[in-house]
Protein backbone atom coordinates (compact mmCIF):
# COMPACT_ATOMS: atom_id res chain seq x y z
CA MET A 1 -23.39 2.67 26.95
CA SER A 2 -22.18 1.55 23.43
CA TYR A 3 -24.73 1.37 20.63
CA ALA A 4 -22.10 -0.30 18.44
CA ARG A 5 -22.08 -3.91 17.52
CA ASP A 6 -20.04 -5.93 20.17
CA ALA A 7 -17.42 -6.68 17.38
CA ILE A 8 -17.00 -2.91 16.67
CA ALA A 9 -16.87 -1.80 20.37
CA ARG A 10 -14.07 -4.41 21.19
CA ILE A 11 -11.65 -3.10 18.60
CA SER A 12 -9.52 0.00 18.33
CA GLY A 13 -9.65 0.57 14.51
CA TYR A 14 -6.83 1.34 12.33
CA VAL A 15 -4.40 4.21 13.39
CA PRO A 16 -3.00 6.20 10.40
CA GLY A 17 0.50 7.91 10.77
CA GLU A 18 0.59 11.23 12.40
CA GLN A 19 -0.64 14.24 10.48
CA PRO A 20 1.28 17.33 11.51
CA GLY A 21 -1.51 20.02 10.37
CA ASP A 22 0.20 23.35 10.41
CA LYS A 23 3.31 22.36 12.34
CA PRO A 24 6.55 22.71 10.42
CA PHE A 25 7.47 19.06 10.27
CA VAL A 26 9.28 17.33 7.40
CA LYS A 27 6.89 14.57 6.92
CA LEU A 28 8.56 11.25 6.13
CA ASN A 29 6.08 8.98 7.95
CA THR A 30 3.30 7.99 5.60
CA ASN A 31 5.17 7.15 2.39
CA GLU A 32 3.85 9.94 0.39
CA ASN A 33 5.77 10.88 -2.90
CA PRO A 34 7.82 14.10 -2.56
CA TYR A 35 7.24 15.14 -6.02
CA ALA A 36 4.09 16.91 -7.42
CA PRO A 37 1.64 14.98 -9.76
CA ALA A 38 1.95 15.17 -13.45
CA PRO A 39 1.45 18.82 -14.47
CA ARG A 40 -1.45 17.95 -16.82
CA ILE A 41 -3.47 17.10 -13.65
CA ALA A 42 -3.48 20.88 -13.06
CA THR A 43 -4.70 21.51 -16.57
CA VAL A 44 -7.56 18.97 -16.25
CA LEU A 45 -8.63 20.44 -12.92
CA ARG A 46 -8.57 23.93 -14.37
CA GLU A 47 -10.72 22.92 -17.27
CA PHE A 48 -13.05 20.58 -15.56
CA SER A 49 -16.72 21.71 -16.02
CA TRP A 50 -17.90 22.11 -12.49
CA GLU A 51 -21.57 22.26 -13.57
CA ARG A 52 -21.09 18.43 -14.24
CA LEU A 53 -20.92 17.67 -10.58
CA ARG A 54 -24.61 17.74 -10.40
CA LEU A 55 -24.52 14.43 -12.12
CA TYR A 56 -23.60 11.11 -10.86
CA PRO A 57 -20.18 9.74 -11.99
CA GLU A 58 -20.00 6.78 -14.36
CA PRO A 59 -20.53 3.82 -11.92
CA SER A 60 -18.01 1.29 -13.43
CA ALA A 61 -15.34 4.23 -13.91
CA LYS A 62 -15.00 2.95 -17.54
CA MET A 63 -12.82 5.77 -18.78
CA LEU A 64 -10.34 5.08 -15.90
CA ARG A 65 -10.41 1.07 -16.51
CA GLU A 66 -9.86 1.80 -20.27
CA ALA A 67 -6.73 3.81 -19.47
CA ALA A 68 -5.55 1.06 -17.01
CA ALA A 69 -6.03 -1.50 -19.56
CA ALA A 70 -3.80 0.29 -21.99
CA VAL A 71 -1.06 0.90 -19.46
CA TYR A 72 -1.00 -2.56 -17.95
CA GLY A 73 -2.16 -4.86 -20.71
CA VAL A 74 -5.15 -6.26 -18.74
CA PRO A 75 -8.48 -6.21 -20.32
CA MET A 76 -10.72 -3.60 -18.76
CA GLU A 77 -13.44 -6.15 -17.95
CA GLN A 78 -10.90 -7.68 -15.43
CA ILE A 79 -10.24 -4.31 -13.77
CA ILE A 80 -12.19 -2.80 -10.81
CA CYS A 81 -11.65 0.70 -9.43
CA GLY A 82 -12.11 1.78 -5.80
CA ASN A 83 -12.03 4.83 -3.42
CA GLY A 84 -8.29 4.15 -2.69
CA SER A 85 -6.83 0.56 -2.57
CA ASP A 86 -8.19 0.24 0.98
CA ASP A 87 -11.78 0.43 -0.25
CA LEU A 88 -10.97 -2.52 -2.71
CA LEU A 89 -9.53 -4.44 0.35
CA THR A 90 -12.87 -3.73 2.18
CA ILE A 91 -14.81 -4.99 -0.83
CA ALA A 92 -12.68 -8.16 -0.89
CA LEU A 93 -13.50 -9.04 2.87
CA ARG A 94 -17.19 -8.57 2.07
CA THR A 95 -16.92 -10.48 -1.14
CA PHE A 96 -14.71 -13.43 -0.03
CA VAL A 97 -14.92 -13.85 3.82
CA ASP A 98 -18.10 -14.86 5.68
CA GLN A 99 -18.72 -13.55 9.06
CA GLY A 100 -17.19 -16.12 11.26
CA GLY A 101 -15.08 -17.24 8.29
CA CYS A 102 -11.15 -16.79 8.37
CA LEU A 103 -8.98 -14.24 6.89
CA ALA A 104 -5.18 -15.01 6.45
CA TYR A 105 -2.41 -12.32 6.15
CA THR A 106 1.20 -12.10 6.62
CA ALA A 107 2.59 -10.56 9.68
CA PRO A 108 4.22 -8.14 10.21
CA SER A 109 2.60 -6.22 7.36
CA TYR A 110 0.00 -3.59 6.71
CA SER A 111 -1.77 -3.21 10.11
CA LEU A 112 -5.12 -2.48 8.31
CA TYR A 113 -5.37 -6.29 7.45
CA PRO A 114 -6.30 -7.51 11.01
CA VAL A 115 -8.69 -4.56 11.48
CA LEU A 116 -10.51 -5.67 8.30
CA ALA A 117 -10.96 -9.17 9.83
CA ASP A 118 -12.54 -7.70 13.03
CA LEU A 119 -14.71 -5.40 10.86
CA GLN A 120 -15.99 -8.39 9.12
CA GLY A 121 -16.40 -10.52 12.21
CA ALA A 122 -13.93 -12.95 10.82
CA LYS A 123 -11.37 -15.07 12.40
CA HIS A 124 -7.72 -14.22 12.14
CA CYS A 125 -4.90 -16.35 10.57
CA ALA A 126 -1.60 -14.42 10.82
CA VAL A 127 1.07 -16.13 8.83
CA ASN A 128 4.30 -14.88 10.45
CA LEU A 129 7.20 -13.96 8.22
CA ASP A 130 10.52 -15.72 8.85
CA GLU A 131 13.37 -14.26 10.77
CA ASN A 132 14.29 -12.35 7.58
CA PHE A 133 10.79 -10.99 7.07
CA GLU A 134 10.43 -13.46 4.11
CA LEU A 135 7.35 -15.49 3.14
CA PRO A 136 7.57 -19.02 4.53
CA GLU A 137 7.59 -21.82 2.23
CA ASN A 138 4.67 -23.43 3.95
CA ALA A 139 2.46 -20.20 3.98
CA ALA A 140 -0.38 -22.11 2.04
CA ALA A 141 -0.52 -24.73 4.91
CA LEU A 142 -0.27 -22.31 7.64
CA ALA A 143 -3.41 -20.56 6.04
CA ALA A 144 -5.48 -23.67 5.77
CA GLY A 145 -9.13 -22.90 6.39
CA ALA A 146 -9.04 -19.32 5.25
CA SER A 147 -10.89 -18.04 2.16
CA LEU A 148 -8.91 -14.99 1.49
CA PHE A 149 -4.97 -14.57 2.05
CA LEU A 150 -3.86 -10.73 1.92
CA MET A 151 -0.18 -10.24 1.10
CA ALA A 152 1.68 -7.02 0.45
CA ARG A 153 4.57 -7.14 -2.00
CA PRO A 154 6.74 -5.23 -1.54
CA ASN A 155 5.87 -5.59 2.12
CA ALA A 156 5.11 -2.81 4.49
CA PRO A 157 6.52 -1.81 6.84
CA THR A 158 9.85 -3.79 6.03
CA GLY A 159 10.04 -2.96 2.28
CA ASN A 160 11.26 -6.34 1.12
CA SER A 161 9.82 -8.14 -1.95
CA PHE A 162 9.14 -11.70 -1.53
CA PRO A 163 10.67 -13.89 -4.37
CA LEU A 164 8.32 -14.74 -7.13
CA ALA A 165 8.91 -18.36 -6.80
CA ASN A 166 7.57 -18.31 -3.28
CA VAL A 167 4.58 -16.26 -4.35
CA LYS A 168 3.64 -18.71 -7.02
CA LYS A 169 3.96 -21.59 -4.67
CA LEU A 170 1.43 -19.99 -2.36
CA CYS A 171 -0.99 -19.09 -5.27
CA ARG A 172 -0.82 -22.77 -6.39
CA GLU A 173 -1.32 -24.28 -3.07
CA PHE A 174 -3.85 -21.90 -1.31
CA ALA A 175 -7.42 -23.08 -1.74
CA GLY A 176 -8.96 -19.52 -1.72
CA VAL A 177 -8.26 -16.13 -3.13
CA VAL A 178 -4.73 -14.71 -2.86
CA TRP A 179 -4.75 -10.91 -2.82
CA ILE A 180 -1.27 -9.40 -3.70
CA ASP A 181 -1.27 -5.74 -2.48
CA GLU A 182 1.20 -3.98 -4.78
CA ALA A 183 0.92 -0.46 -3.31
CA TYR A 184 4.67 0.02 -3.75
CA VAL A 185 5.35 -2.02 -6.82
CA ASP A 186 6.47 1.03 -9.13
CA PHE A 187 9.54 1.21 -6.79
CA ALA A 188 10.49 -2.46 -7.21
CA ASP A 189 12.36 -4.52 -9.77
CA ASP A 190 9.34 -6.82 -10.87
CA ASN A 191 5.63 -7.18 -10.27
CA CYS A 192 3.06 -9.96 -10.16
CA LEU A 193 0.71 -9.05 -13.04
CA PRO A 194 1.70 -11.98 -15.20
CA LEU A 195 0.40 -14.32 -12.55
CA LEU A 196 -2.94 -13.44 -13.54
CA ASP A 197 -2.55 -15.53 -16.64
CA GLU A 198 -1.44 -18.45 -14.59
CA PHE A 199 -3.72 -18.55 -11.42
CA PRO A 200 -7.42 -17.70 -11.53
CA ASN A 201 -7.58 -17.12 -7.72
CA VAL A 202 -5.18 -14.17 -7.84
CA VAL A 203 -6.03 -10.49 -7.35
CA ILE A 204 -3.57 -7.74 -7.79
CA SER A 205 -4.29 -4.33 -6.20
CA ARG A 206 -2.49 -0.93 -7.00
CA THR A 207 -2.85 2.58 -5.65
CA PHE A 208 -2.37 6.07 -7.04
CA SER A 209 -1.19 7.25 -3.66
CA LYS A 210 2.33 6.33 -3.87
CA SER A 211 4.11 6.51 -7.35
CA PHE A 212 1.47 8.66 -8.91
CA SER A 213 1.60 11.39 -6.06
CA LEU A 214 -2.06 11.40 -5.66
CA ALA A 215 -2.44 10.18 -2.02
CA GLY A 216 -5.09 13.11 -1.43
CA LEU A 217 -7.21 11.81 -4.42
CA ARG A 218 -7.96 8.24 -3.01
CA LEU A 219 -8.14 6.03 -6.04
CA GLY A 220 -7.14 2.38 -6.51
CA LEU A 221 -7.22 -0.45 -9.09
CA ALA A 222 -7.53 -4.12 -8.92
CA PHE A 223 -6.93 -6.70 -11.41
CA SER A 224 -8.10 -10.30 -11.53
CA SER A 225 -10.01 -12.95 -13.36
CA LEU A 226 -13.42 -12.23 -14.99
CA GLU A 227 -15.22 -14.42 -12.47
CA ILE A 228 -13.69 -12.64 -9.39
CA ILE A 229 -14.27 -9.01 -10.73
CA ARG A 230 -17.79 -9.73 -11.42
CA GLU A 231 -18.46 -11.02 -7.78
CA MET A 232 -16.41 -8.03 -6.38
CA GLU A 233 -18.66 -5.64 -8.51
CA LYS A 234 -21.94 -6.78 -6.70
CA VAL A 235 -20.37 -5.63 -3.56
CA LYS A 236 -18.90 -2.24 -4.29
CA ASP A 237 -20.82 0.88 -3.63
CA SER A 238 -22.74 1.91 -6.69
CA TYR A 239 -20.66 5.17 -7.33
CA ASN A 240 -17.58 4.35 -5.25
CA VAL A 241 -15.15 6.42 -7.44
CA ASP A 242 -16.17 10.07 -7.86
CA MET A 243 -16.29 12.01 -11.21
CA LEU A 244 -13.12 14.24 -10.56
CA SER A 245 -11.00 11.07 -9.46
CA GLN A 246 -12.08 9.26 -12.64
CA TYR A 247 -10.81 12.05 -14.74
CA LEU A 248 -7.71 12.81 -12.88
CA GLY A 249 -6.93 9.08 -12.49
CA LYS A 250 -7.30 8.67 -16.24
CA THR A 251 -4.86 11.58 -16.91
CA ALA A 252 -2.19 10.22 -14.48
CA LEU A 253 -2.34 6.91 -16.29
CA GLU A 254 -1.81 8.87 -19.54
CA GLU A 255 1.31 10.50 -18.04
CA VAL A 256 2.74 7.34 -16.77
CA ASP A 257 6.19 8.04 -18.08
CA TYR A 258 6.17 11.06 -15.81
CA MET A 259 5.45 8.79 -12.78
CA ARG A 260 8.02 6.34 -13.73
CA ALA A 261 10.62 8.95 -13.95
CA ASN A 262 9.75 10.17 -10.43
CA ALA A 263 9.94 6.70 -9.19
CA GLU A 264 13.43 6.28 -10.51
CA LYS A 265 14.55 9.38 -8.85
CA ILE A 266 13.18 8.09 -5.42
CA LYS A 267 14.97 4.72 -6.05
CA ALA A 268 18.14 6.52 -6.51
CA THR A 269 17.66 8.51 -3.34
CA ARG A 270 16.64 5.36 -1.43
CA ARG A 271 20.11 3.73 -2.62
CA GLU A 272 22.03 6.69 -1.41
CA CYS A 273 20.34 6.97 1.87
CA ALA A 274 20.32 3.30 2.58
CA GLU A 275 24.29 3.52 2.23
CA GLN A 276 24.63 6.58 4.47
CA LEU A 277 22.48 5.19 7.19
CA LYS A 278 24.35 1.89 7.15
CA ALA A 279 27.59 4.04 7.44
CA LEU A 280 26.10 5.51 10.67
CA GLY A 281 25.64 1.88 12.25
CA SER A 282 21.96 1.17 11.31
CA HIS A 283 21.03 -2.20 9.98
CA VAL A 284 18.89 -1.31 6.94
CA LEU A 285 16.73 -3.98 5.39
CA PRO A 286 16.72 -4.22 1.56
CA SER A 287 13.96 -2.03 0.19
CA GLN A 288 11.92 -2.37 -3.05
CA ALA A 289 9.60 0.41 -1.85
CA ASN A 290 9.64 4.23 -1.37
CA PHE A 291 10.72 3.81 2.20
CA ILE A 292 13.59 2.45 4.40
CA PHE A 293 13.11 0.17 7.25
CA LEU A 294 16.11 0.20 9.47
CA ARG A 295 17.27 -0.70 13.07
CA PRO A 296 19.34 2.23 14.36
CA PRO A 297 22.32 1.89 16.52
CA LYS A 298 20.34 3.36 19.50
CA PRO A 299 16.90 2.44 20.83
CA ALA A 300 14.37 2.92 17.95
CA ALA A 301 11.78 4.66 20.17
CA GLU A 302 14.44 7.16 21.33
CA VAL A 303 15.62 7.93 17.69
CA PHE A 304 11.89 8.36 16.64
CA ALA A 305 11.35 10.94 19.42
CA ALA A 306 14.60 12.71 18.86
CA LEU A 307 13.90 13.17 15.19
CA ARG A 308 10.46 14.50 15.91
CA GLU A 309 12.13 16.93 18.35
CA LYS A 310 14.24 17.97 15.34
CA GLY A 311 11.22 18.43 13.05
CA TYR A 312 11.32 15.25 11.26
CA LEU A 313 8.42 12.85 11.32
CA VAL A 314 9.16 9.15 10.82
CA ARG A 315 7.04 6.01 11.78
CA TYR A 316 7.67 3.93 14.74
CA PHE A 317 5.72 0.84 15.38
CA ALA A 318 5.53 -0.36 19.05
CA LEU A 319 4.69 -3.94 18.10
CA PRO A 320 6.50 -7.31 18.46
CA ARG A 321 9.21 -7.97 15.86
CA VAL A 322 9.31 -4.45 14.64
CA CYS A 323 9.73 -2.39 17.77
CA ASP A 324 13.40 -2.07 17.27
CA TYR A 325 12.97 -0.44 13.84
CA ILE A 326 11.84 2.76 12.33
CA ARG A 327 10.47 3.45 8.93
CA ILE A 328 11.71 6.46 6.93
CA SER A 329 9.66 7.61 3.83
CA ILE A 330 11.95 8.62 0.87
CA GLY A 331 11.63 12.50 0.53
CA SER A 332 13.34 14.88 -1.71
CA ASP A 333 17.21 14.85 -1.90
CA GLU A 334 17.04 18.09 0.33
CA GLN A 335 14.82 16.48 2.78
CA MET A 336 16.82 13.36 3.11
CA ARG A 337 20.03 15.22 3.53
CA GLY A 338 18.59 17.08 6.53
CA LEU A 339 17.30 13.72 7.92
CA ILE A 340 20.94 11.99 7.62
CA ALA A 341 22.43 15.16 9.34
CA CYS A 342 20.02 14.73 12.04
CA MET A 343 20.61 10.97 12.27
CA ARG A 344 24.31 11.69 12.38
CA ASP A 345 23.74 13.99 15.47
CA ILE A 346 21.44 11.64 17.18
CA CYS A 347 23.42 8.40 16.53
CA GLY A 348 27.07 9.61 16.26
């Protein structure tokens, strides 16, 4: 007997990438950063007064929003913080999509999006990307009737970044809120923050998990108009960002140049690995993220299994349109040399 709501009992839920535990895998399956966080993070941790943990954190994460405002040039009143960007996505569904309402999202994309619709008891409107995994020009028409449109840019798992002109067209024509998930934006050539001045219905989210090397911290930001941020503040948990995360997130933002230097190293490794994988016969999609999405010369499921056997975890999605591909997170140069050697053995 199930005691859960029918809507919950029917769904499978989101399935994260494999976590190896103590097994000696090279982990290139969940797009974590191969480099450590900024060294000053360790200093703040050592000097943090643990006695303060008896107190609640500042509920609006003011110090974190002030630091984000200084880095991104967006007024702090137009910023909301979350326990990872996934928390912010959940807040978005609860704020903008009624039970029985409709959520639009690009497909293929982040597999959490349809799960969020199910959790909210909402209808699905999957807007299929075209044959090149690009945003269709009539995306707004395809999403008619939805109140929220979720879109990752750069996209996951494909890694490409939709042209800004197409994104603007969607923002202009869609009647609801357009949420642009910029989890991978620090590895891309541009971003959508300027759209905030042009479109009052746009929300842009960022995470500290990828470029800031803080996936274990769980911290995210969203930027939007005052009206939208105020509505989302009504929905968020009172203390959704803990005290330590606020301090460490503020420190990471103050060390943004360190993050950007690491992102440049990852981009250089990405370019080199993409060329090497192409030389081995793989079809590699252009990536603006910290991973590569490729169709190997042998069946993707077999390559995934063979890499795992050799000690390398990558991501395989047994789903329509992407089941011929594998996704490889960009690791350190040493890790990627090892992976390329394994791919040479498997695909050669």
